[in-house]
């Protein structure tokens, strides 16, 4: 069982995705509750609350790290969808992939581009429902 989220972590998660807390409880939390607690505390109670970089700048770094690591499809899907919720455009995310292609490799950037298309299609469908 996961610990209850702090108010600031819950608010930050909801900025990333309106149903992030539900997904956490239902899908991710049961996998490894203590690991998920630590992840949420580190990211949403600490790192994304810091003031030197904006949330947008931090999210560019997050996307870049996930592209560079490769084999991070579930995390990259969540973070790309979060990017749309945070106001990024598809063109801006594609530009992040272009930047990363030189430093992380074209194969990793292309794999991320496939995920970007899937996520963009999902996000567009969600927007039409609203």
C-alpha atoms as a PDB file:
ATOM      1  CA  UNK A   1       0.000   0.000   0.000  1.00  0.00           C
ATOM      2  CA  UNK A   2       1.357   3.394  -0.992  1.00  0.00           C
ATOM      3  CA  UNK A   3       1.545   6.266   1.454  1.00  0.00           C
ATOM      4  CA  UNK A   4      -0.880   9.135   0.866  1.00  0.00           C
ATOM      5  CA  UNK A   5       0.554  11.866  -1.346  1.00  0.00           C
ATOM      6  CA  UNK A   6       1.371  15.273   0.038  1.00  0.00           C
ATOM      7  CA  UNK A   7      -0.835  18.100  -1.233  1.00  0.00           C
ATOM      8  CA  UNK A   8       1.998  19.616  -3.265  1.00  0.00           C
ATOM      9  CA  UNK A   9       2.947  16.256  -4.847  1.00  0.00           C
ATOM     10  CA  UNK A  10      -0.695  15.556  -5.719  1.00  0.00           C
ATOM     11  CA  UNK A  11      -1.116  19.029  -7.237  1.00  0.00           C
ATOM     12  CA  UNK A  12       2.058  18.635  -9.286  1.00  0.00           C
ATOM     13  CA  UNK A  13       1.055  15.171 -10.514  1.00  0.00           C
ATOM     14  CA  UNK A  14      -2.315  16.523 -11.621  1.00  0.00           C
ATOM     15  CA  UNK A  15      -0.515  19.183 -13.690  1.00  0.00           C
ATOM     16  CA  UNK A  16       1.245  16.352 -15.498  1.00  0.00           C
ATOM     17  CA  UNK A  17      -1.936  14.390 -16.069  1.00  0.00           C
ATOM     18  CA  UNK A  18      -5.422  14.868 -14.644  1.00  0.00           C
ATOM     19  CA  UNK A  19      -5.675  11.130 -13.906  1.00  0.00           C
ATOM     20  CA  UNK A  20      -2.068  10.613 -12.760  1.00  0.00           C
ATOM     21  CA  UNK A  21      -3.013   9.945  -9.135  1.00  0.00           C
ATOM     22  CA  UNK A  22      -5.557   7.324 -10.186  1.00  0.00           C
ATOM     23  CA  UNK A  23      -3.017   5.675 -12.523  1.00  0.00           C
ATOM     24  CA  UNK A  24      -0.479   5.662  -9.725  1.00  0.00           C
ATOM     25  CA  UNK A  25      -2.853   3.936  -7.317  1.00  0.00           C
ATOM     26  CA  UNK A  26      -4.291   1.492  -9.835  1.00  0.00           C
ATOM     27  CA  UNK A  27      -1.478   0.648 -12.263  1.00  0.00           C
ATOM     28  CA  UNK A  28       1.952   1.605 -10.974  1.00  0.00           C
ATOM     29  CA  UNK A  29       1.666   1.591  -7.189  1.00  0.00           C
ATOM     30  CA  UNK A  30       0.785  -2.109  -6.851  1.00  0.00           C
ATOM     31  CA  UNK A  31       3.935  -3.110  -8.768  1.00  0.00           C
ATOM     32  CA  UNK A  32       6.325  -1.938  -6.059  1.00  0.00           C
ATOM     33  CA  UNK A  33       4.635   0.392  -3.551  1.00  0.00           C
ATOM     34  CA  UNK A  34       7.750   1.467  -1.668  1.00  0.00           C
ATOM     35  CA  UNK A  35       9.672   2.118  -4.887  1.00  0.00           C
ATOM     36  CA  UNK A  36       6.778   4.181  -6.244  1.00  0.00           C
ATOM     37  CA  UNK A  37       6.592   6.127  -2.961  1.00  0.00           C
ATOM     38  CA  UNK A  38      10.273   7.002  -3.253  1.00  0.00           C
ATOM     39  CA  UNK A  39       9.900   7.947  -6.903  1.00  0.00           C
ATOM     40  CA  UNK A  40       6.931  10.224  -6.232  1.00  0.00           C
ATOM     41  CA  UNK A  41       8.653  11.841  -3.254  1.00  0.00           C
ATOM     42  CA  UNK A  42      11.867  12.457  -5.213  1.00  0.00           C
ATOM     43  CA  UNK A  43      10.184  13.806  -8.339  1.00  0.00           C
ATOM     44  CA  UNK A  44       6.985  15.545  -7.349  1.00  0.00           C
ATOM     45  CA  UNK A  45       7.637  16.504  -3.724  1.00  0.00           C
ATOM     46  CA  UNK A  46      11.239  17.573  -4.330  1.00  0.00           C
ATOM     47  CA  UNK A  47      12.714  18.006  -7.822  1.00  0.00           C
ATOM     48  CA  UNK A  48       9.743  19.553  -9.594  1.00  0.00           C
ATOM     49  CA  UNK A  49       9.196  21.897  -6.613  1.00  0.00           C
ATOM     50  CA  UNK A  50      12.667  23.469  -6.853  1.00  0.00           C
ATOM     51  CA  UNK A  51      12.780  27.065  -8.123  1.00  0.00           C
ATOM     52  CA  UNK A  52      16.023  27.488 -10.108  1.00  0.00           C
ATOM     53  CA  UNK A  53      14.711  25.779 -13.261  1.00  0.00           C
ATOM     54  CA  UNK A  54      11.142  26.074 -14.483  1.00  0.00           C
ATOM     55  CA  UNK A  55       8.919  23.011 -14.710  1.00  0.00           C
ATOM     56  CA  UNK A  56       9.198  23.348 -18.479  1.00  0.00           C
ATOM     57  CA  UNK A  57      13.015  23.298 -18.367  1.00  0.00           C
ATOM     58  CA  UNK A  58      12.965  20.319 -16.017  1.00  0.00           C
ATOM     59  CA  UNK A  59      10.602  18.513 -18.336  1.00  0.00           C
ATOM     60  CA  UNK A  60      12.888  19.058 -21.325  1.00  0.00           C
ATOM     61  CA  UNK A  61      15.681  17.494 -19.260  1.00  0.00           C
ATOM     62  CA  UNK A  62      13.401  14.591 -18.305  1.00  0.00           C
ATOM     63  CA  UNK A  63      12.399  13.880 -21.900  1.00  0.00           C
ATOM     64  CA  UNK A  64      16.018  14.151 -23.013  1.00  0.00           C
ATOM     65  CA  UNK A  65      17.212  11.717 -20.351  1.00  0.00           C
ATOM     66  CA  UNK A  66      14.528   9.169 -21.242  1.00  0.00           C
ATOM     67  CA  UNK A  67      15.372   9.412 -24.947  1.00  0.00           C
ATOM     68  CA  UNK A  68      19.086   9.066 -24.195  1.00  0.00           C
ATOM     69  CA  UNK A  69      18.614   5.994 -22.004  1.00  0.00           C
ATOM     70  CA  UNK A  70      16.446   4.177 -24.523  1.00  0.00           C
ATOM     71  CA  UNK A  71      14.223   1.252 -23.536  1.00  0.00           C
ATOM     72  CA  UNK A  72      12.065   3.565 -21.408  1.00  0.00           C
ATOM     73  CA  UNK A  73       8.830   3.358 -23.396  1.00  0.00           C
ATOM     74  CA  UNK A  74       6.321   3.386 -20.488  1.00  0.00           C
ATOM     75  CA  UNK A  75       8.038   6.330 -18.813  1.00  0.00           C
ATOM     76  CA  UNK A  76       8.489   8.156 -22.115  1.00  0.00           C
ATOM     77  CA  UNK A  77       4.787   7.706 -22.939  1.00  0.00           C
ATOM     78  CA  UNK A  78       3.756   9.151 -19.578  1.00  0.00           C
ATOM     79  CA  UNK A  79       6.226  12.050 -19.773  1.00  0.00           C
ATOM     80  CA  UNK A  80       5.296  12.926 -23.376  1.00  0.00           C
ATOM     81  CA  UNK A  81       1.621  12.979 -22.463  1.00  0.00           C
ATOM     82  CA  UNK A  82       2.559  15.100 -19.452  1.00  0.00           C
ATOM     83  CA  UNK A  83       4.419  17.449 -21.808  1.00  0.00           C
ATOM     84  CA  UNK A  84       1.196  18.045 -23.739  1.00  0.00           C
ATOM     85  CA  UNK A  85      -0.670  18.685 -20.479  1.00  0.00           C
ATOM     86  CA  UNK A  86       2.107  21.125 -19.500  1.00  0.00           C
ATOM     87  CA  UNK A  87       1.562  23.086 -22.724  1.00  0.00           C
ATOM     88  CA  UNK A  88       4.242  21.712 -25.035  1.00  0.00           C
ATOM     89  CA  UNK A  89       3.360  21.451 -28.714  1.00  0.00           C
ATOM     90  CA  UNK A  90       4.119  18.468 -30.895  1.00  0.00           C
ATOM     91  CA  UNK A  91       6.648  20.610 -32.801  1.00  0.00           C
ATOM     92  CA  UNK A  92       8.471  21.489 -29.573  1.00  0.00           C
ATOM     93  CA  UNK A  93       8.696  17.842 -28.521  1.00  0.00           C
ATOM     94  CA  UNK A  94       9.888  16.902 -32.003  1.00  0.00           C
ATOM     95  CA  UNK A  95      12.568  19.598 -31.696  1.00  0.00           C
ATOM     96  CA  UNK A  96      13.700  18.005 -28.412  1.00  0.00           C
ATOM     97  CA  UNK A  97      14.008  14.697 -30.291  1.00  0.00           C
ATOM     98  CA  UNK A  98      16.011  16.364 -33.068  1.00  0.00           C
ATOM     99  CA  UNK A  99      18.389  17.852 -30.500  1.00  0.00           C
ATOM    100  CA  UNK A 100      18.737  14.464 -28.834  1.00  0.00           C
ATOM    101  CA  UNK A 101      19.324  12.623 -32.106  1.00  0.00           C
ATOM    102  CA  UNK A 102      22.836  14.042 -32.337  1.00  0.00           C
ATOM    103  CA  UNK A 103      23.786  13.309 -28.732  1.00  0.00           C
ATOM    104  CA  UNK A 104      21.794  10.116 -28.072  1.00  0.00           C
ATOM    105  CA  UNK A 105      21.651   8.584 -31.521  1.00  0.00           C
ATOM    106  CA  UNK A 106      19.175   8.627 -34.358  1.00  0.00           C
ATOM    107  CA  UNK A 107      17.760   5.194 -33.490  1.00  0.00           C
ATOM    108  CA  UNK A 108      16.770   6.310 -30.002  1.00  0.00           C
ATOM    109  CA  UNK A 109      15.313   9.544 -31.342  1.00  0.00           C
ATOM    110  CA  UNK A 110      13.335   7.652 -33.998  1.00  0.00           C
ATOM    111  CA  UNK A 111      12.008   5.198 -31.404  1.00  0.00           C
ATOM    112  CA  UNK A 112      10.911   8.198 -29.336  1.00  0.00           C
ATOM    113  CA  UNK A 113       9.286   9.713 -32.456  1.00  0.00           C
ATOM    114  CA  UNK A 114       7.122   6.594 -32.797  1.00  0.00           C
ATOM    115  CA  UNK A 115       6.000   7.045 -29.201  1.00  0.00           C
ATOM    116  CA  UNK A 116       5.428  10.756 -29.838  1.00  0.00           C
ATOM    117  CA  UNK A 117       3.011   9.923 -32.679  1.00  0.00           C
ATOM    118  CA  UNK A 118       1.113   7.423 -30.489  1.00  0.00           C
ATOM    119  CA  UNK A 119       0.923   9.844 -27.584  1.00  0.00           C
ATOM    120  CA  UNK A 120      -0.065  12.783 -29.787  1.00  0.00           C
ATOM    121  CA  UNK A 121      -2.880  10.719 -31.330  1.00  0.00           C
ATOM    122  CA  UNK A 122      -4.080   9.752 -27.833  1.00  0.00           C
ATOM    123  CA  UNK A 123      -3.866  13.332 -26.573  1.00  0.00           C
ATOM    124  CA  UNK A 124      -5.712  14.667 -29.628  1.00  0.00           C
ATOM    125  CA  UNK A 125      -8.480  12.085 -29.124  1.00  0.00           C
ATOM    126  CA  UNK A 126      -8.763  13.050 -25.442  1.00  0.00           C
ATOM    127  CA  UNK A 127      -8.988  16.727 -26.369  1.00  0.00           C
ATOM    128  CA  UNK A 128     -11.827  16.005 -28.821  1.00  0.00           C
ATOM    129  CA  UNK A 129     -13.759  14.192 -26.080  1.00  0.00           C
ATOM    130  CA  UNK A 130     -13.682  17.299 -23.854  1.00  0.00           C
END
